[in-house]
Amino acid sequence: MVTKTVLLLVGLLLLLVGIYTFFALSARNEIYYLCGNFKSGVSYSSVVRQLDTANLSDYKIEKFEQSKRVTHSSALHLNWVRCEIAFAEDEKVSHAIYK
């Protein structure tokens, strides 16, 4: 009886790890491919519009005196995998870095 229960728990654990892995990889891909869209000169409104389409990741906006920075990341990766998008004074992308 114990072995069936243990096998069931191990199977359930493997299923949960598989599901997490699927969503974590999908979130990483979402961040990576969206980050590739943000070339120098892309407008701030275009960046925000594209980031609003993301399902497995989120973004935060930091405003500075003369510029902005958007950090796009996912809680599934504890926000370690991210895309940092820096804007110039004219609200155009100056650079985007995938980390």
Protein backbone atom coordinates (compact mmCIF):
# COMPACT_ATOMS: atom_id res chain seq x y z
CA MET A 1 0.00 0.00 0.00
CA VAL A 2 2.81 2.40 0.82
CA THR A 3 4.51 1.87 -2.52
CA LYS A 4 1.39 2.81 -4.48
CA THR A 5 1.04 6.01 -2.48
CA VAL A 6 4.71 6.85 -2.93
CA LEU A 7 4.50 6.17 -6.67
CA LEU A 8 1.41 8.35 -6.92
CA LEU A 9 3.13 11.20 -5.06
CA VAL A 10 6.28 10.91 -7.17
CA GLY A 11 4.19 10.86 -10.35
CA LEU A 12 2.25 13.91 -9.20
CA LEU A 13 5.46 15.71 -8.32
CA LEU A 14 6.95 14.94 -11.74
CA LEU A 15 3.78 16.19 -13.41
CA LEU A 16 3.94 19.46 -11.46
CA VAL A 17 7.63 19.92 -12.28
CA GLY A 18 6.84 19.29 -15.95
CA ILE A 19 4.04 21.86 -15.94
CA TYR A 20 6.25 24.43 -14.19
CA THR A 21 9.07 23.79 -16.67
CA PHE A 22 6.72 24.30 -19.61
CA PHE A 23 5.45 27.63 -18.30
CA ALA A 24 8.93 28.80 -17.21
CA LEU A 25 10.35 28.10 -20.68
CA SER A 26 7.38 29.84 -22.28
CA ALA A 27 7.90 32.90 -20.08
CA ARG A 28 11.62 32.99 -20.94
CA ASN A 29 10.81 32.79 -24.64
CA GLU A 30 8.22 35.55 -24.28
CA ILE A 31 10.78 37.87 -22.68
CA TYR A 32 13.53 36.95 -25.16
CA TYR A 33 11.47 37.42 -28.32
CA LEU A 34 9.76 40.61 -27.19
CA CYS A 35 13.14 42.06 -26.18
CA GLY A 36 14.35 41.46 -29.73
CA ASN A 37 11.64 43.80 -31.02
CA PHE A 38 12.96 46.81 -29.13
CA LYS A 39 15.63 48.26 -31.37
CA SER A 40 17.00 51.75 -31.06
CA GLY A 41 14.41 54.32 -32.14
CA VAL A 42 11.25 52.36 -31.27
CA SER A 43 8.74 54.57 -29.47
CA TYR A 44 7.78 54.19 -25.83
CA SER A 45 4.11 53.70 -26.73
CA SER A 46 5.01 50.85 -29.11
CA VAL A 47 7.07 49.14 -26.41
CA VAL A 48 4.25 49.37 -23.87
CA ARG A 49 1.68 48.20 -26.42
CA GLN A 50 3.78 45.11 -27.21
CA LEU A 51 4.48 44.35 -23.55
CA ASP A 52 0.76 44.53 -22.81
CA THR A 53 0.30 41.46 -25.04
CA ALA A 54 2.50 39.30 -22.76
CA ASN A 55 0.74 36.55 -20.80
CA LEU A 56 3.44 35.02 -18.60
CA SER A 57 5.53 38.07 -17.81
CA ASP A 58 5.13 41.56 -16.49
CA TYR A 59 6.93 44.87 -16.68
CA LYS A 60 7.66 47.85 -14.48
CA ILE A 61 8.37 51.41 -15.50
CA GLU A 62 10.97 53.52 -13.75
CA LYS A 63 10.91 57.25 -14.43
CA PHE A 64 14.01 59.35 -14.02
CA GLU A 65 14.53 63.06 -14.41
CA GLN A 66 15.17 62.95 -18.16
CA SER A 67 14.49 59.36 -19.19
CA LYS A 68 12.62 56.13 -18.46
CA ARG A 69 13.54 52.50 -18.10
CA VAL A 70 11.21 49.54 -18.52
CA THR A 71 12.14 46.19 -16.99
CA HIS A 72 10.31 43.21 -18.48
CA SER A 73 10.54 40.01 -16.41
CA SER A 74 8.59 37.07 -15.01
CA ALA A 75 7.89 35.90 -11.48
CA LEU A 76 8.31 32.34 -12.78
CA HIS A 77 12.05 33.11 -12.95
CA LEU A 78 12.07 35.19 -9.77
CA ASN A 79 12.64 38.16 -12.11
CA TRP A 80 16.21 37.00 -12.86
CA VAL A 81 15.54 36.61 -16.58
CA ARG A 82 14.70 40.07 -17.83
CA CYS A 83 14.87 42.62 -20.59
CA GLU A 84 15.91 46.13 -19.64
CA ILE A 85 14.78 48.80 -22.08
CA ALA A 86 16.27 52.28 -21.72
CA PHE A 87 14.70 55.35 -23.31
CA ALA A 88 16.24 58.65 -24.32
CA GLU A 89 14.68 62.02 -23.58
CA ASP A 90 12.54 61.83 -26.75
CA GLU A 91 10.89 58.60 -25.46
CA LYS A 92 12.60 56.44 -28.08
CA VAL A 93 14.50 53.28 -27.19
CA SER A 94 18.19 53.96 -26.76
CA HIS A 95 19.00 50.29 -26.07
CA ALA A 96 17.44 47.04 -24.88
CA ILE A 97 19.43 44.36 -23.09
CA TYR A 98 18.31 40.77 -22.46
CA LYS A 99 19.83 39.44 -19.24
